[in-house]
N, C-alpha and C. Protein backbone atom coordinates (compact mmCIF):
# COMPACT_ATOMS: atom_id res chain seq x y z
N UNK A 1 -30.32 -30.85 28.24
CA UNK A 1 -30.20 -29.32 28.19
C UNK A 1 -30.83 -28.41 29.05
N UNK A 2 -31.97 -28.45 29.55
CA UNK A 2 -32.73 -27.86 30.83
C UNK A 2 -31.50 -27.21 31.89
N UNK A 3 -31.37 -28.18 32.01
CA UNK A 3 -30.40 -28.42 33.33
C UNK A 3 -29.44 -27.23 33.35
N UNK A 4 -28.65 -26.74 32.37
CA UNK A 4 -27.05 -26.34 31.95
C UNK A 4 -27.69 -25.58 32.00
N UNK A 5 -28.86 -24.69 31.04
CA UNK A 5 -29.15 -23.76 30.82
C UNK A 5 -30.42 -23.01 32.37
N UNK A 6 -30.06 -23.69 33.12
CA UNK A 6 -30.82 -23.31 34.54
C UNK A 6 -29.29 -22.60 34.76
N UNK A 7 -28.96 -23.24 35.22
CA UNK A 7 -26.91 -22.92 35.65
C UNK A 7 -26.68 -22.13 35.22
N UNK A 8 -27.00 -22.12 33.90
CA UNK A 8 -26.28 -20.75 32.48
C UNK A 8 -26.96 -19.44 33.94
N UNK A 9 -28.23 -19.74 33.56
CA UNK A 9 -29.37 -18.67 34.34
C UNK A 9 -28.80 -17.91 35.74
N UNK A 10 -28.64 -19.12 36.50
CA UNK A 10 -28.17 -18.90 37.71
C UNK A 10 -27.09 -17.82 37.99
N UNK A 11 -25.73 -18.49 37.08
CA UNK A 11 -24.93 -17.64 37.15
C UNK A 11 -25.01 -16.35 36.44
N UNK A 12 -25.47 -16.04 35.17
CA UNK A 12 -25.64 -15.25 34.79
C UNK A 12 -26.40 -13.53 35.94
N UNK A 13 -27.81 -13.90 36.47
CA UNK A 13 -28.34 -13.78 37.75
C UNK A 13 -27.49 -13.08 38.41
N UNK A 14 -26.82 -14.53 39.41
CA UNK A 14 -25.76 -13.59 40.20
C UNK A 14 -24.39 -12.39 39.95
N UNK A 15 -24.49 -12.95 38.75
CA UNK A 15 -22.74 -12.25 37.99
C UNK A 15 -23.52 -11.20 37.54
N UNK A 16 -24.67 -10.39 37.44
CA UNK A 16 -25.31 -9.43 37.04
C UNK A 16 -26.28 -8.15 37.82
N UNK A 17 -25.82 -9.64 39.20
CA UNK A 17 -26.28 -8.65 40.98
C UNK A 17 -24.80 -7.46 40.54
N UNK A 18 -23.62 -8.01 40.10
CA UNK A 18 -22.74 -7.11 40.80
C UNK A 18 -22.82 -5.56 40.23
N UNK A 19 -22.93 -5.31 39.15
CA UNK A 19 -23.14 -3.69 38.27
C UNK A 19 -24.06 -3.25 39.33
N UNK A 20 -25.13 -4.56 39.13
CA UNK A 20 -26.93 -3.84 40.54
C UNK A 20 -25.86 -2.28 41.09
N UNK A 21 -24.98 -3.42 42.00
CA UNK A 21 -25.23 -2.63 43.06
C UNK A 21 -24.64 -0.97 43.08
N UNK A 22 -24.05 -0.95 41.67
CA UNK A 22 -23.33 0.07 41.61
C UNK A 22 -24.76 1.62 40.94
N UNK A 23 -25.84 0.56 40.45
CA UNK A 23 -26.92 1.40 39.77
C UNK A 23 -28.43 1.64 40.22
N UNK A 24 -28.07 0.57 41.11
CA UNK A 24 -29.04 0.69 42.22
C UNK A 24 -29.13 1.90 43.28
N UNK A 25 -27.44 2.46 43.90
CA UNK A 25 -26.70 3.45 44.41
C UNK A 25 -26.84 2.90 46.29
N UNK A 26 -26.82 1.17 46.77
CA UNK A 26 -26.53 0.67 48.12
C UNK A 26 -25.39 1.91 47.89
N UNK A 27 -26.09 1.51 49.74
CA UNK A 27 -25.49 1.97 50.96
C UNK A 27 -24.18 1.13 50.79
N UNK A 28 -23.13 2.17 51.35
CA UNK A 28 -22.22 1.85 51.97
C UNK A 28 -21.55 1.17 52.63
N UNK A 29 -22.23 1.36 53.72
CA UNK A 29 -21.98 -0.41 54.60
C UNK A 29 -23.12 -1.76 54.45
N UNK A 30 -23.53 -1.23 53.36
CA UNK A 30 -24.38 -2.55 52.87
C UNK A 30 -23.97 -3.38 52.00
N UNK A 31 -22.89 -2.31 51.47
CA UNK A 31 -21.88 -3.26 50.33
C UNK A 31 -21.55 -4.87 50.35
N UNK A 32 -20.69 -4.45 51.57
CA UNK A 32 -19.98 -5.71 52.16
C UNK A 32 -20.57 -7.09 52.31
N UNK A 33 -21.72 -6.53 52.87
CA UNK A 33 -22.98 -7.63 52.94
C UNK A 33 -23.58 -8.86 51.68
N UNK A 34 -23.54 -7.91 50.93
CA UNK A 34 -24.04 -7.99 49.17
C UNK A 34 -22.82 -8.78 48.81
N UNK A 35 -21.99 -8.09 48.71
CA UNK A 35 -20.89 -8.69 47.92
C UNK A 35 -20.76 -10.15 48.17
N UNK A 36 -20.93 -10.39 49.90
CA UNK A 36 -20.14 -12.48 49.96
C UNK A 36 -21.30 -13.00 50.15
N UNK A 37 -23.11 -12.09 50.15
CA UNK A 37 -24.08 -13.01 49.64
C UNK A 37 -23.93 -13.83 48.30
N UNK A 38 -23.71 -12.29 46.91
CA UNK A 38 -23.42 -13.15 45.90
C UNK A 38 -22.29 -14.14 45.80
N UNK A 39 -21.63 -13.32 46.79
CA UNK A 39 -20.11 -14.77 46.26
C UNK A 39 -20.55 -16.14 46.21
N UNK A 40 -20.87 -15.91 47.56
CA UNK A 40 -21.12 -17.21 48.05
C UNK A 40 -22.46 -18.34 47.53
N UNK A 41 -23.37 -17.06 46.46
CA UNK A 41 -24.50 -17.92 45.65
C UNK A 41 -23.39 -18.38 44.31
N UNK A 42 -22.43 -17.60 43.91
CA UNK A 42 -21.57 -18.25 42.72
C UNK A 42 -20.79 -18.90 42.69
N UNK A 43 -20.06 -19.07 44.40
CA UNK A 43 -19.47 -19.91 44.20
C UNK A 43 -20.14 -21.81 44.75
N UNK A 44 -20.66 -21.39 44.36
CA UNK A 44 -22.14 -22.92 45.60
C UNK A 44 -22.38 -23.34 44.01
N UNK A 45 -23.41 -22.62 43.01
CA UNK A 45 -23.44 -22.36 41.73
C UNK A 45 -22.44 -23.23 40.82
N UNK A 46 -21.24 -22.26 41.03
CA UNK A 46 -20.29 -22.89 39.86
C UNK A 46 -19.89 -24.30 40.73
N UNK A 47 -19.54 -24.29 41.56
CA UNK A 47 -18.73 -25.57 41.55
C UNK A 47 -19.81 -26.80 41.84
N UNK A 48 -20.81 -26.46 42.02
CA UNK A 48 -22.00 -27.77 41.73
C UNK A 48 -22.48 -27.96 40.12
N UNK A 49 -22.08 -27.04 39.37
CA UNK A 49 -21.80 -26.66 37.61
C UNK A 49 -20.69 -27.73 37.28
N UNK A 50 -19.28 -27.24 37.64
CA UNK A 50 -18.57 -27.66 37.28
C UNK A 50 -18.26 -28.99 38.00
N UNK A 51 -18.08 -29.68 39.77
CA UNK A 51 -18.32 -30.93 40.07
C UNK A 51 -19.73 -31.81 39.01
N UNK A 52 -20.29 -31.50 38.79
CA UNK A 52 -20.89 -32.65 37.96
C UNK A 52 -22.07 -33.16 38.70
N UNK A 53 -22.27 -32.17 40.38
CA UNK A 53 -23.09 -32.63 40.89
C UNK A 53 -24.72 -31.77 40.95
N UNK A 54 -24.73 -31.42 39.27
CA UNK A 54 -26.05 -30.94 39.33
C UNK A 54 -27.41 -31.41 39.49
N UNK A 55 -27.71 -32.61 40.00
CA UNK A 55 -28.99 -33.40 40.82
C UNK A 55 -28.82 -32.80 41.96
N UNK A 56 -27.38 -32.29 42.81
CA UNK A 56 -27.70 -31.85 44.15
C UNK A 56 -27.65 -30.77 44.42
N UNK A 57 -27.28 -30.07 43.40
CA UNK A 57 -27.03 -28.34 43.39
C UNK A 57 -28.43 -27.69 43.23
N UNK A 58 -29.75 -28.79 42.34
CA UNK A 58 -30.83 -27.87 42.05
C UNK A 58 -31.81 -28.58 43.30
N UNK A 59 -31.30 -29.26 43.69
CA UNK A 59 -32.54 -29.89 45.42
C UNK A 59 -32.05 -28.94 45.97
N UNK A 60 -30.68 -28.42 46.35
CA UNK A 60 -29.99 -27.30 47.82
C UNK A 60 -30.17 -26.24 46.68
N UNK A 61 -31.13 -25.61 45.82
CA UNK A 61 -31.50 -24.50 45.34
C UNK A 61 -32.30 -24.29 45.89
N UNK A 62 -33.65 -25.48 45.30
CA UNK A 62 -35.02 -25.55 45.86
C UNK A 62 -35.14 -25.17 47.12
N UNK A 63 -34.45 -25.74 48.19
CA UNK A 63 -34.42 -25.71 49.64
C UNK A 63 -34.19 -23.76 49.88
N UNK A 64 -33.17 -23.67 49.73
CA UNK A 64 -32.26 -22.34 49.74
C UNK A 64 -33.41 -21.39 49.54
N UNK A 65 -34.21 -21.72 48.36
CA UNK A 65 -35.09 -19.81 47.45
C UNK A 65 -36.35 -20.46 48.12
N UNK A 66 -36.91 -21.79 48.61
CA UNK A 66 -38.02 -22.22 49.78
C UNK A 66 -37.95 -21.19 50.91
N UNK A 67 -36.88 -20.98 51.61
CA UNK A 67 -36.24 -20.58 52.81
C UNK A 67 -36.48 -18.83 52.84
N UNK A 68 -35.60 -18.78 51.05
CA UNK A 68 -35.97 -17.44 51.55
C UNK A 68 -37.38 -16.87 50.85
N UNK A 69 -38.34 -17.16 50.27
CA UNK A 69 -39.34 -17.14 49.58
C UNK A 69 -40.60 -16.51 51.25
N UNK A 70 -40.44 -17.23 52.20
CA UNK A 70 -40.85 -17.36 53.10
C UNK A 70 -40.50 -16.07 53.86
N UNK A 71 -39.49 -15.60 53.89
CA UNK A 71 -38.25 -14.70 54.57
C UNK A 71 -38.52 -13.22 53.74
N UNK A 72 -38.84 -13.46 52.24
CA UNK A 72 -39.31 -11.79 51.32
C UNK A 72 -41.12 -11.89 51.45
N UNK A 73 -41.52 -12.71 51.81
CA UNK A 73 -43.26 -12.76 51.78
C UNK A 73 -43.45 -12.08 53.26
N UNK A 74 -42.41 -12.49 54.50
CA UNK A 74 -42.91 -11.83 55.94
C UNK A 74 -42.19 -10.86 55.70
N UNK A 75 -41.53 -10.26 55.13
CA UNK A 75 -41.43 -8.72 55.08
C UNK A 75 -42.45 -7.77 53.87
N UNK A 76 -42.82 -8.31 53.05
CA UNK A 76 -43.99 -7.94 52.74
C UNK A 76 -45.28 -7.46 53.38
N UNK A 77 -45.22 -8.20 54.29
CA UNK A 77 -46.28 -8.52 54.92
C UNK A 77 -46.20 -7.79 56.34
N UNK A 78 -44.96 -7.77 56.83
CA UNK A 78 -44.65 -6.79 57.80
C UNK A 78 -44.24 -4.67 57.24
N UNK A 79 -43.95 -5.14 55.73
CA UNK A 79 -44.08 -3.34 55.99
C UNK A 79 -46.02 -2.59 55.54
N UNK A 80 -46.73 -3.19 55.60
CA UNK A 80 -48.29 -3.06 55.36
C UNK A 80 -48.81 -3.10 57.13
N UNK A 81 -48.08 -4.32 57.76
CA UNK A 81 -48.61 -4.27 59.44
C UNK A 81 -47.55 -4.51 60.55
N UNK A 82 -47.03 -3.75 60.68
CA UNK A 82 -45.68 -3.86 61.62
C UNK A 82 -46.00 -5.15 62.75
N UNK A 83 -46.87 -5.21 63.45
CA UNK A 83 -47.42 -6.12 64.33
C UNK A 83 -47.52 -7.38 63.83
N UNK A 84 -47.68 -7.92 62.98
CA UNK A 84 -47.60 -9.20 61.96
C UNK A 84 -46.79 -9.59 62.02
N UNK A 85 -46.22 -10.34 62.66
CA UNK A 85 -44.58 -11.25 62.70
C UNK A 85 -44.97 -12.78 63.00
N UNK A 86 -45.88 -13.18 62.15
CA UNK A 86 -46.20 -14.73 62.44
C UNK A 86 -45.34 -15.39 61.09
N UNK A 87 -45.40 -14.45 59.64
CA UNK A 87 -44.76 -15.57 58.60
C UNK A 87 -43.21 -15.53 59.34
N UNK A 88 -42.75 -14.56 59.68
CA UNK A 88 -41.47 -14.56 60.26
C UNK A 88 -41.30 -15.60 61.19
N UNK A 89 -42.40 -16.42 61.85
CA UNK A 89 -41.90 -17.49 62.53
C UNK A 89 -41.66 -18.42 61.77
N UNK A 90 -43.08 -18.62 60.79
CA UNK A 90 -42.86 -19.51 59.78
C UNK A 90 -41.61 -20.04 58.95
N UNK A 91 -41.31 -18.90 58.69
CA UNK A 91 -39.51 -18.44 57.56
C UNK A 91 -38.49 -19.58 58.78
N UNK A 92 -38.35 -18.88 60.19
CA UNK A 92 -37.39 -19.14 61.55
C UNK A 92 -37.84 -20.96 60.82
N UNK A 93 -38.95 -21.31 61.07
CA UNK A 93 -38.83 -23.01 61.04
C UNK A 93 -38.85 -23.68 60.28
N UNK A 94 -38.76 -22.94 58.24
CA UNK A 94 -38.45 -23.94 57.29
C UNK A 94 -36.81 -23.60 57.10
N UNK A 95 -36.42 -22.24 58.00
CA UNK A 95 -35.36 -22.22 58.02
C UNK A 95 -34.24 -22.44 58.69
N UNK A 96 -35.02 -23.76 59.81
CA UNK A 96 -34.19 -24.48 60.85
C UNK A 96 -33.86 -25.96 59.68
N UNK A 97 -35.02 -26.14 59.17
CA UNK A 97 -35.19 -27.36 58.45
C UNK A 97 -34.70 -27.41 57.48
N UNK A 98 -34.97 -26.40 56.62
CA UNK A 98 -33.75 -26.52 55.43
C UNK A 98 -32.12 -26.86 55.28
N UNK A 99 -31.98 -26.25 56.66
CA UNK A 99 -30.36 -26.51 57.46
C UNK A 99 -30.04 -27.59 57.72
N UNK A 100 -31.18 -27.99 58.30
CA UNK A 100 -30.35 -30.06 58.38
C UNK A 100 -30.67 -30.83 57.40
N UNK A 101 -31.48 -30.84 56.86
CA UNK A 101 -31.78 -31.04 55.87
C UNK A 101 -30.80 -31.10 54.66
N UNK A 102 -30.07 -29.69 54.38
CA UNK A 102 -29.27 -29.80 53.29
C UNK A 102 -27.73 -30.71 54.10
N UNK A 103 -27.57 -30.39 55.29
CA UNK A 103 -26.92 -30.72 55.68
C UNK A 103 -26.62 -32.26 55.90
N UNK A 104 -27.76 -32.33 56.37
CA UNK A 104 -28.02 -34.54 55.91
C UNK A 104 -28.00 -34.33 54.83
N UNK A 105 -27.75 -34.02 53.66
CA UNK A 105 -28.13 -34.44 51.85
C UNK A 105 -26.79 -34.60 51.58
N UNK A 106 -26.04 -33.54 52.33
CA UNK A 106 -24.46 -33.20 51.90
C UNK A 106 -23.74 -34.57 52.33
N UNK A 107 -24.25 -34.88 53.38
CA UNK A 107 -23.45 -36.34 54.60
C UNK A 107 -23.73 -37.53 53.13
N UNK A 108 -25.31 -37.33 53.23
CA UNK A 108 -25.24 -38.54 52.08
C UNK A 108 -24.72 -38.83 50.67
N UNK A 109 -24.82 -37.95 50.20
CA UNK A 109 -23.76 -37.45 48.58
C UNK A 109 -22.66 -37.98 48.82
N UNK A 110 -22.24 -36.72 49.52
CA UNK A 110 -20.99 -37.23 49.42
C UNK A 110 -19.87 -37.48 50.44
N UNK A 111 -20.42 -38.76 51.60
CA UNK A 111 -19.40 -39.03 52.31
C UNK A 111 -19.73 -40.52 51.67
N UNK A 112 -20.64 -40.88 51.26
CA UNK A 112 -21.60 -42.68 51.08
C UNK A 112 -21.54 -43.07 49.46
N UNK A 113 -22.37 -41.75 49.15
CA UNK A 113 -22.84 -42.16 47.21
C UNK A 113 -22.58 -41.73 46.30
N UNK A 114 -20.54 -40.76 46.37
CA UNK A 114 -19.36 -40.12 45.40
C UNK A 114 -18.89 -41.33 45.64
N UNK A 115 -18.44 -42.24 46.62
CA UNK A 115 -17.47 -43.50 46.43
C UNK A 115 -17.97 -44.37 45.56
N UNK A 116 -19.46 -44.46 45.92
CA UNK A 116 -20.09 -45.75 44.89
C UNK A 116 -19.84 -45.25 43.40
N UNK A 117 -20.04 -44.22 43.25
CA UNK A 117 -19.11 -44.23 41.45
C UNK A 117 -18.87 -44.95 41.23
N UNK A 118 -19.14 -45.57 39.81
CA UNK A 118 -18.60 -46.58 38.93
C UNK A 118 -17.30 -45.85 37.95
N UNK A 119 -17.76 -44.31 37.35
CA UNK A 119 -16.71 -44.35 36.80
C UNK A 119 -16.14 -42.53 37.31
N UNK A 120 -15.09 -43.64 38.01
CA UNK A 120 -14.16 -41.97 39.11
C UNK A 120 -13.06 -40.95 37.99
N UNK A 121 -12.77 -41.70 37.23
CA UNK A 121 -12.12 -41.06 36.24
C UNK A 121 -12.39 -39.68 35.40
N UNK A 122 -10.85 -38.94 34.78
CA UNK A 122 -11.38 -38.16 34.08
C UNK A 122 -12.11 -38.34 32.94
N UNK A 123 -13.25 -37.68 32.84
CA UNK A 123 -14.45 -38.31 31.40
C UNK A 123 -14.53 -36.29 31.12
N UNK A 124 -14.60 -35.95 29.53
CA UNK A 124 -14.66 -34.97 29.95
C UNK A 124 -16.21 -35.32 28.49
N UNK A 125 -16.63 -36.54 28.41
CA UNK A 125 -17.38 -36.57 27.31
C UNK A 125 -17.92 -36.42 28.21
N UNK A 126 -18.61 -37.14 29.37
CA UNK A 126 -19.23 -37.31 30.27
C UNK A 126 -19.45 -36.06 31.45
N UNK A 127 -18.87 -35.45 31.23
CA UNK A 127 -18.88 -34.34 31.91
C UNK A 127 -18.27 -34.38 33.43
N UNK A 128 -18.01 -35.47 33.28
CA UNK A 128 -16.41 -35.55 34.77
C UNK A 128 -15.33 -34.73 34.47
N UNK A 129 -15.21 -33.41 34.40
CA UNK A 129 -14.00 -33.05 35.23
C UNK A 129 -13.65 -33.18 36.75
N UNK A 130 -13.93 -33.06 37.72
CA UNK A 130 -13.30 -32.45 38.72
C UNK A 130 -13.90 -34.57 39.96
N UNK A 131 -14.88 -34.75 39.58
CA UNK A 131 -15.21 -35.80 40.02
C UNK A 131 -14.26 -36.96 40.08
N UNK A 132 -13.60 -36.61 39.56
CA UNK A 132 -12.94 -38.18 40.39
C UNK A 132 -11.87 -37.41 41.54
N UNK A 133 -11.51 -36.63 41.72
CA UNK A 133 -11.40 -35.79 43.05
C UNK A 133 -12.05 -36.64 44.23
N UNK A 134 -13.17 -36.65 44.52
CA UNK A 134 -14.23 -38.07 45.10
C UNK A 134 -13.79 -38.51 45.26
N UNK A 135 -12.72 -39.57 44.61
CA UNK A 135 -12.40 -41.17 45.04
C UNK A 135 -11.05 -41.01 46.53
N UNK A 136 -11.11 -39.98 46.65
CA UNK A 136 -9.45 -39.08 47.79
C UNK A 136 -10.44 -39.16 48.91
N UNK A 137 -10.54 -39.88 49.89
CA UNK A 137 -11.44 -39.55 51.12
C UNK A 137 -10.58 -38.52 52.04
N UNK A 138 -9.67 -37.99 51.65
CA UNK A 138 -8.91 -36.68 52.31
C UNK A 138 -9.60 -36.20 52.05
N UNK A 139 -9.69 -35.71 50.06
CA UNK A 139 -10.07 -34.42 49.87
C UNK A 139 -12.31 -34.38 50.15
N UNK A 140 -12.79 -35.78 50.34
CA UNK A 140 -14.06 -35.67 50.50
C UNK A 140 -14.30 -35.26 52.10
N UNK A 141 -13.06 -35.51 52.75
CA UNK A 141 -13.27 -35.07 54.23
C UNK A 141 -13.48 -33.97 54.52
N UNK A 142 -12.18 -33.62 54.02
CA UNK A 142 -11.87 -31.89 54.04
C UNK A 142 -13.67 -31.13 53.25
N UNK A 143 -13.66 -31.87 52.43
CA UNK A 143 -15.63 -30.57 51.11
C UNK A 143 -16.31 -31.06 52.84
N UNK A 144 -16.25 -32.30 53.55
CA UNK A 144 -17.47 -32.57 54.24
C UNK A 144 -17.34 -31.16 56.05
N UNK A 145 -16.11 -31.10 55.95
CA UNK A 145 -15.68 -30.43 57.13
C UNK A 145 -15.66 -28.76 56.91
N UNK A 146 -15.47 -28.38 55.52
CA UNK A 146 -16.32 -27.51 55.42
C UNK A 146 -17.51 -27.10 54.97
N UNK A 147 -18.26 -28.50 54.96
CA UNK A 147 -19.75 -28.18 54.06
C UNK A 147 -20.19 -27.62 56.14
N UNK A 148 -19.95 -28.31 57.04
CA UNK A 148 -20.40 -28.53 58.61
C UNK A 148 -19.79 -27.03 59.18
N UNK A 149 -18.87 -26.41 58.29
CA UNK A 149 -18.20 -25.49 59.50
C UNK A 149 -19.08 -24.44 58.58
N UNK A 150 -19.81 -23.86 58.03
CA UNK A 150 -20.03 -23.29 56.51
C UNK A 150 -21.80 -23.34 57.33
N UNK A 151 -22.46 -23.99 57.62
CA UNK A 151 -23.39 -24.76 58.37
C UNK A 151 -23.87 -24.71 59.37
N UNK A 152 -22.52 -24.29 60.43
CA UNK A 152 -23.27 -24.11 61.90
C UNK A 152 -22.68 -22.54 61.75
N UNK A 153 -22.16 -21.87 60.87
CA UNK A 153 -21.79 -20.69 61.31
C UNK A 153 -23.14 -20.34 60.90
N UNK A 154 -23.72 -20.52 59.58
CA UNK A 154 -24.94 -20.12 59.52
C UNK A 154 -25.97 -20.37 60.43
N UNK A 155 -26.45 -21.72 61.25
CA UNK A 155 -27.01 -21.79 62.15
C UNK A 155 -26.72 -21.03 63.40
N UNK A 156 -25.43 -20.17 63.30
CA UNK A 156 -25.37 -19.36 64.85
C UNK A 156 -25.44 -17.55 65.00
N UNK A 157 -25.16 -17.64 63.59
CA UNK A 157 -25.40 -16.24 62.81
C UNK A 157 -27.10 -16.44 63.36
N UNK A 158 -28.33 -17.35 62.95
CA UNK A 158 -29.29 -17.21 63.00
C UNK A 158 -29.99 -17.30 63.85
N UNK A 159 -28.96 -17.63 65.50
CA UNK A 159 -29.77 -18.50 66.45
C UNK A 159 -29.25 -16.50 67.12
N UNK A 160 -27.66 -15.91 66.78
CA UNK A 160 -27.72 -15.15 67.27
C UNK A 160 -28.89 -14.04 66.71
N UNK A 161 -29.15 -13.73 65.50
CA UNK A 161 -30.65 -13.01 65.12
C UNK A 161 -31.71 -12.96 66.22
N UNK A 162 -32.05 -13.90 65.80
CA UNK A 162 -33.77 -14.59 66.42
C UNK A 162 -33.39 -14.23 68.31
N UNK A 163 -32.58 -14.61 69.23
CA UNK A 163 -32.18 -13.75 69.69
C UNK A 163 -32.06 -12.34 70.30
N UNK A 164 -31.28 -11.65 69.62
CA UNK A 164 -31.45 -10.32 69.46
C UNK A 164 -32.37 -9.62 69.29
N UNK A 165 -33.43 -10.41 68.58
CA UNK A 165 -35.16 -9.87 67.73
C UNK A 165 -35.78 -10.04 68.99
N UNK A 166 -36.02 -11.16 69.35
CA UNK A 166 -36.88 -11.79 70.89
C UNK A 166 -36.59 -10.98 71.78
N UNK A 167 -35.12 -10.72 72.12
CA UNK A 167 -34.50 -9.13 73.26
C UNK A 167 -35.34 -7.97 73.00
N UNK A 168 -35.69 -7.80 71.63
CA UNK A 168 -35.61 -6.53 71.27
C UNK A 168 -37.52 -6.32 71.49
N UNK A 169 -38.63 -7.82 71.65
CA UNK A 169 -39.49 -7.75 71.16
C UNK A 169 -39.67 -7.50 73.16
N UNK A 170 -39.08 -8.07 73.64
CA UNK A 170 -39.97 -8.32 75.20
C UNK A 170 -39.03 -7.09 76.01
N UNK A 171 -38.02 -6.59 75.42
CA UNK A 171 -37.69 -4.71 76.14
C UNK A 171 -38.72 -4.21 75.69
N UNK A 172 -39.42 -3.92 74.21
CA UNK A 172 -40.53 -3.30 74.50
C UNK A 172 -41.92 -3.54 73.96
N UNK A 173 -41.87 -5.09 74.82
CA UNK A 173 -43.19 -5.39 75.83
C UNK A 173 -43.48 -4.80 76.82
N UNK A 174 -42.12 -5.05 77.90
CA UNK A 174 -41.87 -4.74 78.85
C UNK A 174 -41.74 -2.86 79.23
N UNK A 175 -41.60 -2.47 78.58
CA UNK A 175 -41.71 -0.59 78.39
C UNK A 175 -43.18 -0.48 78.01
N UNK A 176 -43.66 -0.94 77.02
CA UNK A 176 -45.10 -0.20 76.81
C UNK A 176 -46.05 -0.90 78.33
N UNK A 177 -45.92 -1.89 79.48
CA UNK A 177 -46.34 -1.98 80.40
C UNK A 177 -45.97 -0.87 81.04
N UNK A 178 -44.81 -0.73 81.11
CA UNK A 178 -44.43 0.46 82.56
C UNK A 178 -45.57 1.42 82.09
N UNK A 179 -44.81 1.99 80.92
CA UNK A 179 -46.13 2.92 80.47
C UNK A 179 -47.38 3.26 80.49
N UNK A 180 -47.95 1.91 80.24
CA UNK A 180 -49.43 1.82 81.44
C UNK A 180 -49.32 2.15 81.98
N UNK A 181 -48.72 1.42 82.97
CA UNK A 181 -48.98 1.46 84.36
C UNK A 181 -47.82 2.76 85.04
N UNK A 182 -47.51 3.78 84.08
CA UNK A 182 -47.70 4.79 84.69
C UNK A 182 -48.64 6.01 84.07
N UNK A 183 -49.11 5.74 83.47
CA UNK A 183 -50.18 6.90 82.63
C UNK A 183 -51.43 6.44 83.85
N UNK A 184 -51.41 5.47 84.34
CA UNK A 184 -52.86 4.82 85.11
C UNK A 184 -52.47 5.62 86.33
N UNK A 185 -50.94 5.91 87.16
CA UNK A 185 -50.65 6.28 88.38
C UNK A 185 -51.03 7.67 87.94
N UNK A 186 -51.06 8.19 86.56
CA UNK A 186 -51.04 9.52 87.09
C UNK A 186 -52.56 10.27 87.01
N UNK A 187 -52.80 9.36 86.18
CA UNK A 187 -54.40 9.70 86.04
C UNK A 187 -54.99 9.38 87.61
N UNK A 188 -54.74 10.19 88.39
CA UNK A 188 -55.53 10.35 89.80
C UNK A 188 -57.25 10.77 89.71
N UNK A 189 -58.21 10.89 90.74
CA UNK A 189 -59.54 11.04 90.78
C UNK A 189 -59.08 12.86 91.14
N UNK A 190 -59.69 13.53 90.37
CA UNK A 190 -59.62 15.60 90.96
C UNK A 190 -60.62 15.67 92.24
N UNK A 191 -60.16 16.17 92.80
CA UNK A 191 -61.24 16.26 94.06
C UNK A 191 -62.09 17.17 94.03
N UNK A 192 -63.53 17.39 93.87
CA UNK A 192 -64.41 18.45 94.38
C UNK A 192 -64.63 18.99 95.11
N UNK A 193 -64.90 20.33 94.26
CA UNK A 193 -65.11 21.68 95.54
C UNK A 193 -66.70 21.14 96.52
N UNK A 194 -66.42 21.30 97.59
CA UNK A 194 -67.71 21.66 97.98
C UNK A 194 -68.39 22.74 97.67
N UNK A 195 -69.91 22.33 97.94
CA UNK A 195 -70.97 23.39 96.65
C UNK A 195 -71.21 22.89 95.82
N UNK A 196 -71.96 23.51 95.19
CA UNK A 196 -72.27 23.97 93.35
C UNK A 196 -71.99 24.53 93.10
N UNK A 197 -72.13 24.54 91.74
CA UNK A 197 -71.53 25.54 90.91
C UNK A 197 -72.56 26.04 90.00
N UNK A 198 -72.45 27.22 89.80
CA UNK A 198 -74.40 27.91 89.30
C UNK A 198 -73.17 29.31 88.59
N UNK A 199 -73.58 29.38 87.26
CA UNK A 199 -73.13 29.83 86.32
C UNK A 199 -71.00 29.90 86.61
N UNK A 200 -71.07 29.00 86.42
CA UNK A 200 -69.32 29.16 86.68
C UNK A 200 -68.99 29.70 88.29
N UNK A 201 -69.86 30.32 88.86
CA UNK A 201 -69.57 30.27 90.28
C UNK A 201 -69.55 29.38 90.94
N UNK A 202 -68.54 29.33 91.97
CA UNK A 202 -68.89 27.97 93.51
C UNK A 202 -70.02 28.45 94.22
N UNK A 203 -70.89 28.51 94.88
CA UNK A 203 -71.85 28.96 95.53
C UNK A 203 -71.70 26.77 96.73
N UNK A 204 -71.43 27.66 97.81
CA UNK A 204 -71.55 27.37 98.93
C UNK A 204 -73.26 26.28 98.91
N UNK A 205 -73.13 25.11 100.55
CA UNK A 205 -73.81 24.89 100.37
C UNK A 205 -74.94 25.08 100.98
N UNK A 206 -75.76 26.69 101.72
CA UNK A 206 -76.28 27.42 101.81
C UNK A 206 -77.11 28.48 100.08
N UNK A 207 -76.18 28.06 99.55
CA UNK A 207 -76.42 29.17 98.58
C UNK A 207 -76.05 30.50 98.51
N UNK A 208 -74.90 30.60 98.81
CA UNK A 208 -74.19 31.78 99.68
C UNK A 208 -72.78 31.81 98.57
N UNK A 209 -72.78 32.35 98.02
CA UNK A 209 -71.33 32.65 97.42
C UNK A 209 -70.09 32.86 98.52
N UNK A 210 -69.24 32.34 98.04
CA UNK A 210 -67.89 31.75 99.51
C UNK A 210 -67.53 32.87 99.51
N UNK A 211 -67.38 34.11 98.76
CA UNK A 211 -66.28 35.31 98.87
C UNK A 211 -67.24 36.26 99.47
N UNK A 212 -66.70 37.31 99.77
CA UNK A 212 -67.11 38.05 101.05
C UNK A 212 -67.07 39.23 100.12
N UNK A 213 -69.15 39.45 100.05
CA UNK A 213 -69.06 40.63 99.23
C UNK A 213 -68.69 42.34 99.99
N UNK A 214 -67.81 43.01 98.63
CA UNK A 214 -67.56 44.46 99.44
C UNK A 214 -68.28 45.17 99.75
N UNK A 215 -68.52 46.18 101.18
CA UNK A 215 -69.79 46.95 101.37
C UNK A 215 -69.27 48.29 100.68
N UNK A 216 -70.06 48.81 99.75
CA UNK A 216 -70.66 50.32 99.05
C UNK A 216 -70.60 51.01 100.08
N UNK A 217 -69.60 52.34 99.62
CA UNK A 217 -69.85 53.22 100.51
C UNK A 217 -70.98 54.08 100.91
N UNK A 218 -71.65 54.56 101.21
CA UNK A 218 -72.71 55.54 101.25
C UNK A 218 -72.75 56.61 99.83
C-alpha cells in the first residue's frame, strides 16, 4: 500500500504541475521545456507503475531527486552569493554518477534480471499486466536501446551546458584581467611642477612668482 500510495502521489504531483503553468504565468519560451520535463516524469513513473517495476522506479526516483536536490541548493546559494559555485560543482559530480548508476541498473534489471523471473505470464492478481512483454528478447533490447539513447542525450546536453558555462566563466575572467591591466596603464604618475606651492600659487625655486608683474603707470 505504501509503495502504491507513493506512486499515486507522484503521478498526482506531476499532473497538477500542468495547470500550474497557467496559474504561475510561466513565460511562453519556458513552457515547452516545462512540458517536456513533466511529460518525461509522467511517462517514467507511470511506466514503472504499470510494468510492475516499482522497486526499480523507487531507486531511480531517489537518484534523480538527489541530483535535483543539489541543483536547487546550488541555485539558492548562488542567489545569495553569485561568486559561490562550489555546490554547482558538487551537483555536476552527483549528476554524472547518478546517470552512470542509472544506466548500469537498467542494464542489470532489464537485460539480466527480468528474463529470470519465474512468472512471465499475464497475471492481474499479482500485478503482472505487461511484465510478460519482457520475455521477448527483441522487446528487452528495444527498451535498453531507448534507455541508452535517452541517457546519452541527457549526458550530451549536460556536457554541452558545462562547456558553455566554463567558456563564459573564462571569458569573464579574461575580460576582468584586461580591464584591470587597462586601469593600471591609465593610472600614470602626474608630473609635478618645478618650484613649490604657497597659498595655491606656484612659486619659483628662488621664491619669486613665475608670472611677470605688470608695472603700474605713475
